[in-house]
Amino acid sequence: MAENTDVVVIGGGYAGVMAANRLTQRDDVTVTLINPRPVFVPRLRLHQLVGGSHDAVVDWGRW
């Protein structure tokens, strides 16, 4: 019987999201991502938010 590992990733920045996504590919790992925002904010797009051409957020389901 395989043992399941619970992993908590604190912080939904680029590194946290990439780590969580990589870990979810494993069948024996359950991942919980803790982040203060309900959406991912790609910091590289904040200039588009200021310019009004993009809302600078991405739903977690798209990662």
PDB file of N, CA and C in Angstrom:
ATOM      1  N   MET A   1       0.838  -1.172   0.000  1.00  0.00           N
ATOM      2  CA  MET A   1       0.000   0.000   0.000  1.00  0.00           C
ATOM      3  C   MET A   1       0.887   1.240   0.000  1.00  0.00           C
ATOM      4  N   ALA A   2       0.670   2.115  -0.972  1.00  0.00           N
ATOM      5  CA  ALA A   2       1.486   3.326  -1.093  1.00  0.00           C
ATOM      6  C   ALA A   2       1.051   4.362  -0.060  1.00  0.00           C
ATOM      7  N   GLU A   3       2.028   5.036   0.491  1.00  0.00           N
ATOM      8  CA  GLU A   3       1.760   6.060   1.483  1.00  0.00           C
ATOM      9  C   GLU A   3       1.628   7.409   0.784  1.00  0.00           C
ATOM     10  N   ASN A   4       0.642   8.214   1.184  1.00  0.00           N
ATOM     11  CA  ASN A   4       0.424   9.532   0.605  1.00  0.00           C
ATOM     12  C   ASN A   4       1.178  10.582   1.427  1.00  0.00           C
ATOM     13  N   THR A   5       1.765  11.548   0.753  1.00  0.00           N
ATOM     14  CA  THR A   5       2.480  12.634   1.406  1.00  0.00           C
ATOM     15  C   THR A   5       1.701  13.926   1.201  1.00  0.00           C
ATOM     16  N   ASP A   6       1.432  14.646   2.287  1.00  0.00           N
ATOM     17  CA  ASP A   6       0.770  15.944   2.218  1.00  0.00           C
ATOM     18  C   ASP A   6       1.842  17.029   2.190  1.00  0.00           C
ATOM     19  N   VAL A   7       1.775  17.906   1.187  1.00  0.00           N
ATOM     20  CA  VAL A   7       2.738  18.992   1.040  1.00  0.00           C
ATOM     21  C   VAL A   7       1.988  20.317   1.077  1.00  0.00           C
ATOM     22  N   VAL A   8       2.503  21.273   1.843  1.00  0.00           N
ATOM     23  CA  VAL A   8       1.930  22.618   1.892  1.00  0.00           C
ATOM     24  C   VAL A   8       2.945  23.559   1.262  1.00  0.00           C
ATOM     25  N   VAL A   9       2.509  24.270   0.217  1.00  0.00           N
ATOM     26  CA  VAL A   9       3.345  25.265  -0.436  1.00  0.00           C
ATOM     27  C   VAL A   9       2.831  26.628   0.010  1.00  0.00           C
ATOM     28  N   ILE A  10       3.691  27.411   0.618  1.00  0.00           N
ATOM     29  CA  ILE A  10       3.303  28.735   1.110  1.00  0.00           C
ATOM     30  C   ILE A  10       3.814  29.777   0.131  1.00  0.00           C
ATOM     31  N   GLY A  11       2.883  30.461  -0.500  1.00  0.00           N
ATOM     32  CA  GLY A  11       3.229  31.503  -1.460  1.00  0.00           C
ATOM     33  C   GLY A  11       2.935  31.077  -2.876  1.00  0.00           C
ATOM     34  N   GLY A  12       2.082  31.846  -3.530  1.00  0.00           N
ATOM     35  CA  GLY A  12       1.680  31.532  -4.899  1.00  0.00           C
ATOM     36  C   GLY A  12       2.373  32.389  -5.930  1.00  0.00           C
ATOM     37  N   GLY A  13       3.659  32.667  -5.717  1.00  0.00           N
ATOM     38  CA  GLY A  13       4.441  33.356  -6.741  1.00  0.00           C
ATOM     39  C   GLY A  13       4.900  32.346  -7.775  1.00  0.00           C
ATOM     40  N   TYR A  14       5.799  32.760  -8.625  1.00  0.00           N
ATOM     41  CA  TYR A  14       6.261  31.866  -9.694  1.00  0.00           C
ATOM     42  C   TYR A  14       6.852  30.568  -9.146  1.00  0.00           C
ATOM     43  N   ALA A  15       7.716  30.655  -8.160  1.00  0.00           N
ATOM     44  CA  ALA A  15       8.359  29.455  -7.626  1.00  0.00           C
ATOM     45  C   ALA A  15       7.358  28.550  -6.921  1.00  0.00           C
ATOM     46  N   GLY A  16       6.457  29.127  -6.123  1.00  0.00           N
ATOM     47  CA  GLY A  16       5.463  28.337  -5.417  1.00  0.00           C
ATOM     48  C   GLY A  16       4.515  27.616  -6.362  1.00  0.00           C
ATOM     49  N   VAL A  17       4.069  28.314  -7.394  1.00  0.00           N
ATOM     50  CA  VAL A  17       3.155  27.716  -8.375  1.00  0.00           C
ATOM     51  C   VAL A  17       3.844  26.603  -9.153  1.00  0.00           C
ATOM     52  N   MET A  18       5.084  26.845  -9.558  1.00  0.00           N
ATOM     53  CA  MET A  18       5.801  25.812 -10.306  1.00  0.00           C
ATOM     54  C   MET A  18       6.059  24.577  -9.438  1.00  0.00           C
ATOM     55  N   ALA A  19       6.414  24.785  -8.174  1.00  0.00           N
ATOM     56  CA  ALA A  19       6.637  23.654  -7.275  1.00  0.00           C
ATOM     57  C   ALA A  19       5.341  22.876  -7.055  1.00  0.00           C
ATOM     58  N   ALA A  20       4.244  23.601  -6.811  1.00  0.00           N
ATOM     59  CA  ALA A  20       2.959  22.937  -6.592  1.00  0.00           C
ATOM     60  C   ALA A  20       2.519  22.157  -7.831  1.00  0.00           C
ATOM     61  N   ASN A  21       2.667  22.764  -8.997  1.00  0.00           N
ATOM     62  CA  ASN A  21       2.281  22.074 -10.233  1.00  0.00           C
ATOM     63  C   ASN A  21       3.123  20.828 -10.465  1.00  0.00           C
ATOM     64  N   ARG A  22       4.397  20.911 -10.202  1.00  0.00           N
ATOM     65  CA  ARG A  22       5.263  19.749 -10.402  1.00  0.00           C
ATOM     66  C   ARG A  22       4.880  18.616  -9.443  1.00  0.00           C
ATOM     67  N   LEU A  23       4.597  18.982  -8.185  1.00  0.00           N
ATOM     68  CA  LEU A  23       4.238  17.970  -7.189  1.00  0.00           C
ATOM     69  C   LEU A  23       2.891  17.319  -7.480  1.00  0.00           C
ATOM     70  N   THR A  24       1.951  18.073  -8.067  1.00  0.00           N
ATOM     71  CA  THR A  24       0.632  17.483  -8.355  1.00  0.00           C
ATOM     72  C   THR A  24       0.698  16.426  -9.451  1.00  0.00           C
ATOM     73  N   GLN A  25       1.796  16.332 -10.155  1.00  0.00           N
ATOM     74  CA  GLN A  25       1.943  15.296 -11.181  1.00  0.00           C
ATOM     75  C   GLN A  25       2.189  13.921 -10.569  1.00  0.00           C
ATOM     76  N   ARG A  26       2.496  13.906  -9.292  1.00  0.00           N
ATOM     77  CA  ARG A  26       2.738  12.636  -8.605  1.00  0.00           C
ATOM     78  C   ARG A  26       1.437  12.113  -8.008  1.00  0.00           C
ATOM     79  N   ASP A  27       1.231  10.812  -8.093  1.00  0.00           N
ATOM     80  CA  ASP A  27       0.019  10.195  -7.551  1.00  0.00           C
ATOM     81  C   ASP A  27       0.050  10.053  -6.036  1.00  0.00           C
ATOM     82  N   ASP A  28       1.247  10.095  -5.442  1.00  0.00           N
ATOM     83  CA  ASP A  28       1.367   9.853  -4.008  1.00  0.00           C
ATOM     84  C   ASP A  28       1.519  11.147  -3.198  1.00  0.00           C
ATOM     85  N   VAL A  29       1.186  12.298  -3.804  1.00  0.00           N
ATOM     86  CA  VAL A  29       1.341  13.584  -3.129  1.00  0.00           C
ATOM     87  C   VAL A  29       0.045  14.381  -3.220  1.00  0.00           C
ATOM     88  N   THR A  30      -0.358  14.958  -2.093  1.00  0.00           N
ATOM     89  CA  THR A  30      -1.484  15.889  -2.045  1.00  0.00           C
ATOM     90  C   THR A  30      -0.907  17.264  -1.735  1.00  0.00           C
ATOM     91  N   VAL A  31      -1.253  18.263  -2.559  1.00  0.00           N
ATOM     92  CA  VAL A  31      -0.662  19.588  -2.427  1.00  0.00           C
ATOM     93  C   VAL A  31      -1.721  20.600  -2.007  1.00  0.00           C
ATOM     94  N   THR A  32      -1.358  21.431  -1.038  1.00  0.00           N
ATOM     95  CA  THR A  32      -2.180  22.571  -0.632  1.00  0.00           C
ATOM     96  C   THR A  32      -1.345  23.821  -0.851  1.00  0.00           C
ATOM     97  N   LEU A  33      -1.886  24.767  -1.642  1.00  0.00           N
ATOM     98  CA  LEU A  33      -1.199  26.016  -1.910  1.00  0.00           C
ATOM     99  C   LEU A  33      -1.843  27.112  -1.070  1.00  0.00           C
ATOM    100  N   ILE A  34      -1.040  27.795  -0.272  1.00  0.00           N
ATOM    101  CA  ILE A  34      -1.545  28.877   0.576  1.00  0.00           C
ATOM    102  C   ILE A  34      -1.069  30.198  -0.012  1.00  0.00           C
ATOM    103  N   ASN A  35      -2.038  31.049  -0.340  1.00  0.00           N
ATOM    104  CA  ASN A  35      -1.736  32.337  -0.944  1.00  0.00           C
ATOM    105  C   ASN A  35      -2.821  33.326  -0.527  1.00  0.00           C
ATOM    106  N   PRO A  36      -2.465  34.583  -0.272  1.00  0.00           N
ATOM    107  CA  PRO A  36      -3.477  35.544   0.175  1.00  0.00           C
ATOM    108  C   PRO A  36      -4.459  35.967  -0.914  1.00  0.00           C
ATOM    109  N   ARG A  37      -4.141  35.744  -2.179  1.00  0.00           N
ATOM    110  CA  ARG A  37      -5.033  36.127  -3.272  1.00  0.00           C
ATOM    111  C   ARG A  37      -5.671  34.890  -3.898  1.00  0.00           C
ATOM    112  N   PRO A  38      -6.920  35.025  -4.364  1.00  0.00           N
ATOM    113  CA  PRO A  38      -7.588  33.884  -4.998  1.00  0.00           C
ATOM    114  C   PRO A  38      -7.160  33.671  -6.448  1.00  0.00           C
ATOM    115  N   VAL A  39      -6.303  34.547  -6.995  1.00  0.00           N
ATOM    116  CA  VAL A  39      -5.830  34.442  -8.373  1.00  0.00           C
ATOM    117  C   VAL A  39      -4.319  34.648  -8.398  1.00  0.00           C
ATOM    118  N   PHE A  40      -3.686  34.188  -9.479  1.00  0.00           N
ATOM    119  CA  PHE A  40      -2.252  34.400  -9.673  1.00  0.00           C
ATOM    120  C   PHE A  40      -2.051  35.761 -10.323  1.00  0.00           C
ATOM    121  N   VAL A  41      -1.078  36.520  -9.824  1.00  0.00           N
ATOM    122  CA  VAL A  41      -0.761  37.831 -10.391  1.00  0.00           C
ATOM    123  C   VAL A  41       0.602  37.749 -11.068  1.00  0.00           C
ATOM    124  N   PRO A  42       0.616  37.638 -12.417  1.00  0.00           N
ATOM    125  CA  PRO A  42       1.906  37.620 -13.107  1.00  0.00           C
ATOM    126  C   PRO A  42       2.505  39.018 -13.092  1.00  0.00           C
ATOM    127  N   ARG A  43       3.497  39.203 -12.272  1.00  0.00           N
ATOM    128  CA  ARG A  43       4.088  40.536 -12.060  1.00  0.00           C
ATOM    129  C   ARG A  43       4.596  41.160 -13.362  1.00  0.00           C
ATOM    130  N   LEU A  44       4.941  40.328 -14.325  1.00  0.00           N
ATOM    131  CA  LEU A  44       5.431  40.853 -15.594  1.00  0.00           C
ATOM    132  C   LEU A  44       4.348  41.604 -16.377  1.00  0.00           C
ATOM    133  N   ARG A  45       3.087  41.434 -15.999  1.00  0.00           N
ATOM    134  CA  ARG A  45       1.988  42.080 -16.711  1.00  0.00           C
ATOM    135  C   ARG A  45       1.430  43.305 -15.985  1.00  0.00           C
ATOM    136  N   LEU A  46       2.025  43.696 -14.871  1.00  0.00           N
ATOM    137  CA  LEU A  46       1.483  44.829 -14.123  1.00  0.00           C
ATOM    138  C   LEU A  46       1.520  46.130 -14.914  1.00  0.00           C
ATOM    139  N   HIS A  47       2.463  46.271 -15.832  1.00  0.00           N
ATOM    140  CA  HIS A  47       2.477  47.476 -16.670  1.00  0.00           C
ATOM    141  C   HIS A  47       1.241  47.529 -17.572  1.00  0.00           C
ATOM    142  N   GLN A  48       0.714  46.346 -17.979  1.00  0.00           N
ATOM    143  CA  GLN A  48      -0.502  46.310 -18.778  1.00  0.00           C
ATOM    144  C   GLN A  48      -1.720  46.674 -17.935  1.00  0.00           C
ATOM    145  N   LEU A  49      -1.687  46.329 -16.652  1.00  0.00           N
ATOM    146  CA  LEU A  49      -2.767  46.725 -15.752  1.00  0.00           C
ATOM    147  C   LEU A  49      -2.830  48.247 -15.657  1.00  0.00           C
ATOM    148  N   VAL A  50      -1.689  48.875 -15.482  1.00  0.00           N
ATOM    149  CA  VAL A  50      -1.637  50.332 -15.382  1.00  0.00           C
ATOM    150  C   VAL A  50      -2.096  50.977 -16.692  1.00  0.00           C
ATOM    151  N   GLY A  51      -1.722  50.378 -17.814  1.00  0.00           N
ATOM    152  CA  GLY A  51      -2.108  50.915 -19.122  1.00  0.00           C
ATOM    153  C   GLY A  51      -3.536  50.605 -19.520  1.00  0.00           C
ATOM    154  N   GLY A  52      -4.199  49.747 -18.753  1.00  0.00           N
ATOM    155  CA  GLY A  52      -5.595  49.417 -19.023  1.00  0.00           C
ATOM    156  C   GLY A  52      -5.828  48.387 -20.110  1.00  0.00           C
ATOM    157  N   SER A  53      -4.780  47.669 -20.530  1.00  0.00           N
ATOM    158  CA  SER A  53      -4.960  46.691 -21.606  1.00  0.00           C
ATOM    159  C   SER A  53      -5.048  45.243 -21.113  1.00  0.00           C
ATOM    160  N   HIS A  54      -4.889  45.019 -19.813  1.00  0.00           N
ATOM    161  CA  HIS A  54      -4.916  43.657 -19.262  1.00  0.00           C
ATOM    162  C   HIS A  54      -5.260  43.768 -17.782  1.00  0.00           C
ATOM    163  N   ASP A  55      -5.975  42.761 -17.239  1.00  0.00           N
ATOM    164  CA  ASP A  55      -6.325  42.829 -15.818  1.00  0.00           C
ATOM    165  C   ASP A  55      -5.244  42.257 -14.903  1.00  0.00           C
ATOM    166  N   ALA A  56      -4.176  41.707 -15.474  1.00  0.00           N
ATOM    167  CA  ALA A  56      -2.986  41.240 -14.754  1.00  0.00           C
ATOM    168  C   ALA A  56      -3.250  40.163 -13.714  1.00  0.00           C
ATOM    169  N   VAL A  57      -4.271  39.337 -13.931  1.00  0.00           N
ATOM    170  CA  VAL A  57      -4.497  38.187 -13.061  1.00  0.00           C
ATOM    171  C   VAL A  57      -4.834  36.976 -13.902  1.00  0.00           C
ATOM    172  N   VAL A  58      -4.521  35.807 -13.379  1.00  0.00           N
ATOM    173  CA  VAL A  58      -4.798  34.537 -14.061  1.00  0.00           C
ATOM    174  C   VAL A  58      -5.435  33.595 -13.054  1.00  0.00           C
ATOM    175  N   ASP A  59      -6.532  32.954 -13.412  1.00  0.00           N
ATOM    176  CA  ASP A  59      -7.167  31.978 -12.521  1.00  0.00           C
ATOM    177  C   ASP A  59      -6.210  30.824 -12.249  1.00  0.00           C
ATOM    178  N   TRP A  60      -6.227  30.320 -11.021  1.00  0.00           N
ATOM    179  CA  TRP A  60      -5.336  29.224 -10.649  1.00  0.00           C
ATOM    180  C   TRP A  60      -5.526  28.010 -11.550  1.00  0.00           C
ATOM    181  N   GLY A  61      -6.726  27.778 -12.033  1.00  0.00           N
ATOM    182  CA  GLY A  61      -6.983  26.613 -12.877  1.00  0.00           C
ATOM    183  C   GLY A  61      -6.232  26.621 -14.186  1.00  0.00           C
ATOM    184  N   ARG A  62      -5.755  27.773 -14.623  1.00  0.00           N
ATOM    185  CA  ARG A  62      -5.024  27.863 -15.887  1.00  0.00           C
ATOM    186  C   ARG A  62      -3.560  27.522 -15.723  1.00  0.00           C
ATOM    187  N   TRP A  63      -3.065  27.350 -14.482  1.00  0.00           N
ATOM    188  CA  TRP A  63      -1.664  27.031 -14.261  1.00  0.00           C
ATOM    189  C   TRP A  63      -1.509  25.574 -14.202  1.00  0.00           C
TER     190      TRP A  63
END
